[in-house]
C-alpha atoms as a PDB file:
ATOM      1  CA  MET A   1      78.898 125.104  98.520  1.00  0.00           C
ATOM      2  CA  ALA A   2      78.628 121.473  99.070  1.00  0.00           C
ATOM      3  CA  PRO A   3      76.549 119.750 100.264  1.00  0.00           C
ATOM      4  CA  LEU A   4      73.895 121.613  99.035  1.00  0.00           C
ATOM      5  CA  SER A   5      75.235 121.981  95.902  1.00  0.00           C
ATOM      6  CA  THR A   6      74.577 118.090  95.710  1.00  0.00           C
ATOM      7  CA  TYR A   7      70.877 118.824  95.346  1.00  0.00           C
ATOM      8  CA  PHE A   8      70.233 122.082  94.297  1.00  0.00           C
ATOM      9  CA  ALA A   9      72.150 124.263  91.359  1.00  0.00           C
ATOM     10  CA  PHE A  10      73.572 127.861  93.069  1.00  0.00           C
ATOM     11  CA  PRO A  11      74.554 130.410  90.823  1.00  0.00           C
ATOM     12  CA  GLU A  12      78.473 131.583  90.911  1.00  0.00           C
ATOM     13  CA  TRP A  13      77.775 134.978  92.340  1.00  0.00           C
ATOM     14  CA  LEU A  14      75.978 132.955  95.283  1.00  0.00           C
ATOM     15  CA  ASN A  15      79.027 130.842  95.669  1.00  0.00           C
ATOM     16  CA  LEU A  16      81.682 133.344  95.752  1.00  0.00           C
ATOM     17  CA  LEU A  17      79.209 135.409  98.265  1.00  0.00           C
ATOM     18  CA  ALA A  18      78.826 132.608 100.630  1.00  0.00           C
ATOM     19  CA  ALA A  19      82.810 132.192 100.121  1.00  0.00           C
ATOM     20  CA  PHE A  20      83.534 136.383 100.798  1.00  0.00           C
ATOM     21  CA  LEU A  21      81.155 135.375 104.284  1.00  0.00           C
ATOM     22  CA  ILE A  22      82.707 132.961 105.709  1.00  0.00           C
ATOM     23  CA  GLY A  23      86.064 134.051 104.929  1.00  0.00           C
ATOM     24  CA  THR A  24      85.304 137.195 106.117  1.00  0.00           C
ATOM     25  CA  GLY A  25      83.997 135.333 109.639  1.00  0.00           C
ATOM     26  CA  PHE A  26      87.005 133.703 109.540  1.00  0.00           C
ATOM     27  CA  GLY A  27      89.243 136.943 109.545  1.00  0.00           C
ATOM     28  CA  PHE A  28      86.555 138.172 112.613  1.00  0.00           C
ATOM     29  CA  ALA A  29      87.096 135.142 114.553  1.00  0.00           C
ATOM     30  CA  LEU A  30      90.877 134.731 114.180  1.00  0.00           C
ATOM     31  CA  GLU A  31      90.928 138.750 115.105  1.00  0.00           C
ATOM     32  CA  GLN A  32      88.484 138.109 118.239  1.00  0.00           C
ATOM     33  CA  GLY A  33      90.312 135.249 119.964  1.00  0.00           C
ATOM     34  CA  GLY A  34      93.771 137.175 119.637  1.00  0.00           C
ATOM     35  CA  PHE A  35      95.746 134.946 116.524  1.00  0.00           C
ATOM     36  CA  SER A  36      96.605 138.802 114.982  1.00  0.00           C
ATOM     37  CA  SER A  37      99.157 139.094 117.948  1.00  0.00           C
ATOM     38  CA  SER A  38     102.380 137.423 116.521  1.00  0.00           C
ATOM     39  CA  ARG A  39     103.394 137.294 120.506  1.00  0.00           C
ATOM     40  CA  LYS A  40     100.541 134.152 121.013  1.00  0.00           C
ATOM     41  CA  LEU A  41     101.211 133.337 118.227  1.00  0.00           C
ATOM     42  CA  ALA A  42     105.204 133.152 119.062  1.00  0.00           C
ATOM     43  CA  GLY A  43     104.213 131.366 122.050  1.00  0.00           C
ATOM     44  CA  MET A  44     103.202 128.020 120.553  1.00  0.00           C
ATOM     45  CA  PHE A  45     106.986 127.616 120.189  1.00  0.00           C
ATOM     46  CA  TYR A  46     108.212 129.517 123.295  1.00  0.00           C
ATOM     47  CA  GLY A  47     105.495 126.687 125.213  1.00  0.00           C
ATOM     48  CA  TYR A  48     104.026 129.791 127.649  1.00  0.00           C
ATOM     49  CA  ASP A  49     100.749 130.230 124.847  1.00  0.00           C
ATOM     50  CA  THR A  50      99.216 127.093 123.557  1.00  0.00           C
ATOM     51  CA  THR A  51      96.441 128.501 122.000  1.00  0.00           C
ATOM     52  CA  VAL A  52      97.168 127.644 118.602  1.00  0.00           C
ATOM     53  CA  LEU A  53      97.811 124.208 119.026  1.00  0.00           C
ATOM     54  CA  LYS A  54      94.633 123.592 120.342  1.00  0.00           C
ATOM     55  CA  VAL A  55      92.354 126.038 118.353  1.00  0.00           C
ATOM     56  CA  PHE A  56      93.239 124.968 115.076  1.00  0.00           C
ATOM     57  CA  PHE A  57      93.369 121.124 116.218  1.00  0.00           C
ATOM     58  CA  THR A  58      90.285 120.912 117.065  1.00  0.00           C
ATOM     59  CA  ALA A  59      89.161 123.004 114.258  1.00  0.00           C
ATOM     60  CA  SER A  60      90.755 119.978 112.102  1.00  0.00           C
ATOM     61  CA  ILE A  61      88.621 117.279 114.149  1.00  0.00           C
ATOM     62  CA  VAL A  62      85.686 119.484 114.012  1.00  0.00           C
ATOM     63  CA  ALA A  63      85.992 119.070 109.934  1.00  0.00           C
ATOM     64  CA  LEU A  64      87.160 115.485 109.806  1.00  0.00           C
ATOM     65  CA  ILE A  65      84.937 114.158 112.121  1.00  0.00           C
ATOM     66  CA  GLY A  66      81.957 116.032 110.405  1.00  0.00           C
ATOM     67  CA  SER A  67      82.527 115.428 106.823  1.00  0.00           C
ATOM     68  CA  GLN A  68      82.437 111.893 107.907  1.00  0.00           C
ATOM     69  CA  PHE A  69      78.919 111.692 109.368  1.00  0.00           C
ATOM     70  CA  LEU A  70      78.259 113.660 106.604  1.00  0.00           C
ATOM     71  CA  GLY A  71      79.630 111.512 104.080  1.00  0.00           C
ATOM     72  CA  TYR A  72      78.205 108.807 106.322  1.00  0.00           C
ATOM     73  CA  PHE A  73      74.397 110.813 105.842  1.00  0.00           C
ATOM     74  CA  GLY A  74      74.970 110.790 102.052  1.00  0.00           C
ATOM     75  CA  LEU A  75      75.446 114.623 102.089  1.00  0.00           C
ATOM     76  CA  LEU A  76      79.180 114.839 100.918  1.00  0.00           C
ATOM     77  CA  ASN A  77      80.941 112.275  98.254  1.00  0.00           C
ATOM     78  CA  LEU A  78      83.937 111.932 100.250  1.00  0.00           C
ATOM     79  CA  ASN A  79      85.773 110.794  97.058  1.00  0.00           C
ATOM     80  CA  GLN A  80      85.339 114.123  95.547  1.00  0.00           C
ATOM     81  CA  VAL A  81      86.846 116.007  98.241  1.00  0.00           C
ATOM     82  CA  TYR A  82      90.367 117.233  96.811  1.00  0.00           C
ATOM     83  CA  VAL A  83      93.177 115.623  98.526  1.00  0.00           C
ATOM     84  CA  ASN A  84      97.041 117.666  97.332  1.00  0.00           C
ATOM     85  CA  GLU A  85      99.094 116.082  95.750  1.00  0.00           C
ATOM     86  CA  PHE A  86     102.186 114.649  98.032  1.00  0.00           C
ATOM     87  CA  TYR A  87     105.647 115.328  97.503  1.00  0.00           C
ATOM     88  CA  VAL A  88     107.862 114.250 100.038  1.00  0.00           C
ATOM     89  CA  THR A  89     111.070 116.459  99.385  1.00  0.00           C
ATOM     90  CA  ALA A  90     109.220 119.420  98.888  1.00  0.00           C
ATOM     91  CA  SER A  91     106.624 118.891 102.155  1.00  0.00           C
ATOM     92  CA  ILE A  92     110.027 118.434 104.000  1.00  0.00           C
ATOM     93  CA  VAL A  93     111.940 121.977 102.339  1.00  0.00           C
ATOM     94  CA  GLY A  94     108.779 123.991 102.399  1.00  0.00           C
ATOM     95  CA  GLY A  95     107.809 122.967 106.391  1.00  0.00           C
ATOM     96  CA  VAL A  96     111.280 123.685 107.728  1.00  0.00           C
ATOM     97  CA  ILE A  97     110.792 127.274 105.447  1.00  0.00           C
ATOM     98  CA  MET A  98     107.369 127.966 106.558  1.00  0.00           C
ATOM     99  CA  GLY A  99     108.102 127.043 110.625  1.00  0.00           C
ATOM    100  CA  GLY A 100     111.133 129.447 110.332  1.00  0.00           C
ATOM    101  CA  GLY A 101     109.497 131.978 108.938  1.00  0.00           C
ATOM    102  CA  PHE A 102     106.377 131.222 111.569  1.00  0.00           C
ATOM    103  CA  ILE A 103     108.961 131.688 114.772  1.00  0.00           C
ATOM    104  CA  MET A 104     110.868 134.711 113.001  1.00  0.00           C
ATOM    105  CA  GLY A 105     107.661 136.995 111.698  1.00  0.00           C
ATOM    106  CA  GLY A 106     104.829 135.582 113.922  1.00  0.00           C
ATOM    107  CA  PHE A 107     102.137 134.731 111.750  1.00  0.00           C
ATOM    108  CA  CYS A 108     101.287 132.410 109.097  1.00  0.00           C
ATOM    109  CA  PRO A 109     100.300 133.487 106.347  1.00  0.00           C
ATOM    110  CA  GLY A 110      96.077 133.580 107.474  1.00  0.00           C
ATOM    111  CA  THR A 111      96.985 135.709 111.164  1.00  0.00           C
ATOM    112  CA  GLY A 112      99.501 136.780 108.869  1.00  0.00           C
ATOM    113  CA  LEU A 113      96.343 138.556 106.901  1.00  0.00           C
ATOM    114  CA  CYS A 114      94.178 138.898 109.432  1.00  0.00           C
ATOM    115  CA  ALA A 115      96.553 140.895 111.050  1.00  0.00           C
ATOM    116  CA  MET A 116      97.619 143.405 108.008  1.00  0.00           C
ATOM    117  CA  ALA A 117      93.873 144.694 107.886  1.00  0.00           C
ATOM    118  CA  ILE A 118      93.876 145.630 111.251  1.00  0.00           C
ATOM    119  CA  GLY A 119      97.294 147.694 110.796  1.00  0.00           C
ATOM    120  CA  LYS A 120      99.593 145.933 112.574  1.00  0.00           C
ATOM    121  CA  ILE A 121     103.345 147.042 110.784  1.00  0.00           C
ATOM    122  CA  ASP A 122     104.482 143.618 111.621  1.00  0.00           C
ATOM    123  CA  ALA A 123     101.846 141.913 109.734  1.00  0.00           C
ATOM    124  CA  ILE A 124     102.553 143.989 106.990  1.00  0.00           C
ATOM    125  CA  VAL A 125     106.367 143.310 106.419  1.00  0.00           C
ATOM    126  CA  TYR A 126     105.785 140.228 106.864  1.00  0.00           C
ATOM    127  CA  ILE A 127     102.805 139.844 104.523  1.00  0.00           C
ATOM    128  CA  LEU A 128     105.557 141.501 101.819  1.00  0.00           C
ATOM    129  CA  GLY A 129     107.995 138.960 102.907  1.00  0.00           C
ATOM    130  CA  GLY A 130     106.344 136.172 102.133  1.00  0.00           C
ATOM    131  CA  LEU A 131     105.030 138.047  98.776  1.00  0.00           C
ATOM    132  CA  ALA A 132     108.554 138.153  97.770  1.00  0.00           C
ATOM    133  CA  GLY A 133     109.087 134.776  98.753  1.00  0.00           C
ATOM    134  CA  ALA A 134     106.751 133.131  96.699  1.00  0.00           C
ATOM    135  CA  PHE A 135     108.062 136.161  93.534  1.00  0.00           C
ATOM    136  CA  MET A 136     111.463 134.131  94.266  1.00  0.00           C
ATOM    137  CA  PHE A 137     109.913 131.037  93.805  1.00  0.00           C
ATOM    138  CA  ALA A 138     108.004 131.841  90.407  1.00  0.00           C
ATOM    139  CA  GLU A 139     111.567 133.069  89.537  1.00  0.00           C
ATOM    140  CA  THR A 140     113.948 129.662  90.485  1.00  0.00           C
ATOM    141  CA  TRP A 141     111.305 127.260  89.806  1.00  0.00           C
ATOM    142  CA  PRO A 142     113.779 126.096  86.407  1.00  0.00           C
ATOM    143  CA  LEU A 143     116.660 125.662  89.022  1.00  0.00           C
ATOM    144  CA  ILE A 144     114.634 124.381  91.694  1.00  0.00           C
ATOM    145  CA  GLU A 145     111.895 121.943  89.780  1.00  0.00           C
ATOM    146  CA  LYS A 146     113.500 118.812  90.148  1.00  0.00           C
ATOM    147  CA  MET A 147     113.633 118.934  93.863  1.00  0.00           C
ATOM    148  CA  ALA A 148     110.491 119.885  94.024  1.00  0.00           C
ATOM    149  CA  THR A 149     109.175 117.429  92.262  1.00  0.00           C
ATOM    150  CA  ALA A 150     110.890 114.524  93.723  1.00  0.00           C
ATOM    151  CA  ASN A 151     109.358 111.714  95.376  1.00  0.00           C
ATOM    152  CA  TYR A 152     105.937 112.305  94.360  1.00  0.00           C
ATOM    153  CA  ARG A 153     103.128 110.172  95.982  1.00  0.00           C
ATOM    154  CA  GLY A 154     100.226 111.706  94.833  1.00  0.00           C
ATOM    155  CA  PRO A 155      96.611 112.604  95.990  1.00  0.00           C
ATOM    156  CA  VAL A 156      96.948 110.197  99.506  1.00  0.00           C
ATOM    157  CA  LYS A 157      95.113 110.377 102.511  1.00  0.00           C
ATOM    158  CA  ILE A 158      97.612 109.239 106.284  1.00  0.00           C
ATOM    159  CA  ASN A 159      95.196 106.619 107.217  1.00  0.00           C
ATOM    160  CA  GLU A 160      95.366 104.451 103.286  1.00  0.00           C
ATOM    161  CA  VAL A 161      99.125 105.080 103.931  1.00  0.00           C
ATOM    162  CA  LEU A 162      98.928 103.118 107.507  1.00  0.00           C
ATOM    163  CA  GLY A 163      96.294 100.969 106.181  1.00  0.00           C
ATOM    164  CA  MET A 164      93.562 101.756 108.944  1.00  0.00           C
ATOM    165  CA  SER A 165      90.195 102.483 107.970  1.00  0.00           C
ATOM    166  CA  ALA A 166      89.483 106.958 107.752  1.00  0.00           C
ATOM    167  CA  GLY A 167      87.010 105.847 111.552  1.00  0.00           C
ATOM    168  CA  LEU A 168      89.719 103.866 112.671  1.00  0.00           C
ATOM    169  CA  PHE A 169      92.135 106.738 112.279  1.00  0.00           C
ATOM    170  CA  THR A 170      89.756 109.422 113.289  1.00  0.00           C
ATOM    171  CA  LEU A 171      89.481 107.954 117.134  1.00  0.00           C
ATOM    172  CA  ILE A 172      93.671 107.498 117.074  1.00  0.00           C
ATOM    173  CA  LEU A 173      93.558 111.265 116.321  1.00  0.00           C
ATOM    174  CA  VAL A 174      91.236 112.643 118.904  1.00  0.00           C
ATOM    175  CA  GLY A 175      93.082 110.443 121.090  1.00  0.00           C
ATOM    176  CA  ALA A 176      96.769 111.774 120.231  1.00  0.00           C
ATOM    177  CA  ALA A 177      94.670 115.746 120.373  1.00  0.00           C
ATOM    178  CA  ALA A 178      93.772 114.869 123.572  1.00  0.00           C
ATOM    179  CA  ALA A 179      97.353 113.727 124.988  1.00  0.00           C
ATOM    180  CA  MET A 180      98.581 116.966 123.437  1.00  0.00           C
ATOM    181  CA  PHE A 181      96.048 119.198 125.267  1.00  0.00           C
ATOM    182  CA  TRP A 182      97.359 117.654 128.190  1.00  0.00           C
ATOM    183  CA  LEU A 183     100.376 118.489 127.284  1.00  0.00           C
ATOM    184  CA  ALA A 184      99.793 122.048 126.035  1.00  0.00           C
ATOM    185  CA  GLU A 185      98.394 122.577 129.850  1.00  0.00           C
ATOM    186  CA  LYS A 186     101.521 121.537 131.513  1.00  0.00           C
ATOM    187  CA  ALA A 187     103.881 123.913 129.383  1.00  0.00           C
ATOM    188  CA  GLU A 188     102.008 127.020 129.606  1.00  0.00           C
ATOM    189  CA  LYS A 189     102.080 126.349 133.649  1.00  0.00           C
ATOM    190  CA  ARG A 190     105.975 125.610 132.911  1.00  0.00           C
ATOM    191  CA  PHE A 191     107.317 128.180 130.813  1.00  0.00           C
ATOM    192  CA  ALA A 192     103.990 130.770 132.164  1.00  0.00           C
ATOM    193  CA  ARG A 193     105.324 134.482 130.637  1.00  0.00           C
ATOM    194  CA  PRO A 194     102.811 136.435 132.956  1.00  0.00           C
ATOM    195  CA  ASP A 195     103.925 140.209 131.441  1.00  0.00           C
ATOM    196  CA  ILE A 196     103.572 138.900 128.173  1.00  0.00           C
ATOM    197  CA  THR A 197      99.528 136.886 128.101  1.00  0.00           C
ATOM    198  CA  SER A 198      98.417 139.757 130.206  1.00  0.00           C
ATOM    199  CA  GLU A 199      98.974 141.785 127.542  1.00  0.00           C
ATOM    200  CA  ILE A 200      97.925 139.661 124.511  1.00  0.00           C
ATOM    201  CA  ASN A 201      94.455 138.202 126.644  1.00  0.00           C
END
């Protein structure tokens, strides 16, 4: 439960309880925001509903700015925050597969679980497909290991690759988000589908 756990020793059960409550709250927020609807999520790719872009981009920026403020005030050691290791080839191939699955299924893993939790049949099929894909990945690992581990770059950060400070990168990202939100609003007007959005909102 960082950053509180930096100063207080919490028992493991309390850490797990906090994770459960946060996860439950996140799932509830997703469902209340309409993210259990595959039509709403697919709308991102067709332009008639860009809520996904706005919500997740906003969440990323809030988390980024919040963590930097916590670090500035000494409440969070950013050097101890885990950064995913970057495999260029695997990221490209995985991104294409993930994007294709998102378009065809209308869910991402998180929203798929959210929709499955309320009994949506399409989400159940989607999650079963994801599990099948995970099984195939594990079973074919000897065949794809070379490709999956190619072009390893380590736990890099975008601002470090670009040679700029974290603060400057954050400022640029906020500006990019504002521009993207403006374009999203334009897209929703250009590709409006009231017949669909009226059903899912």
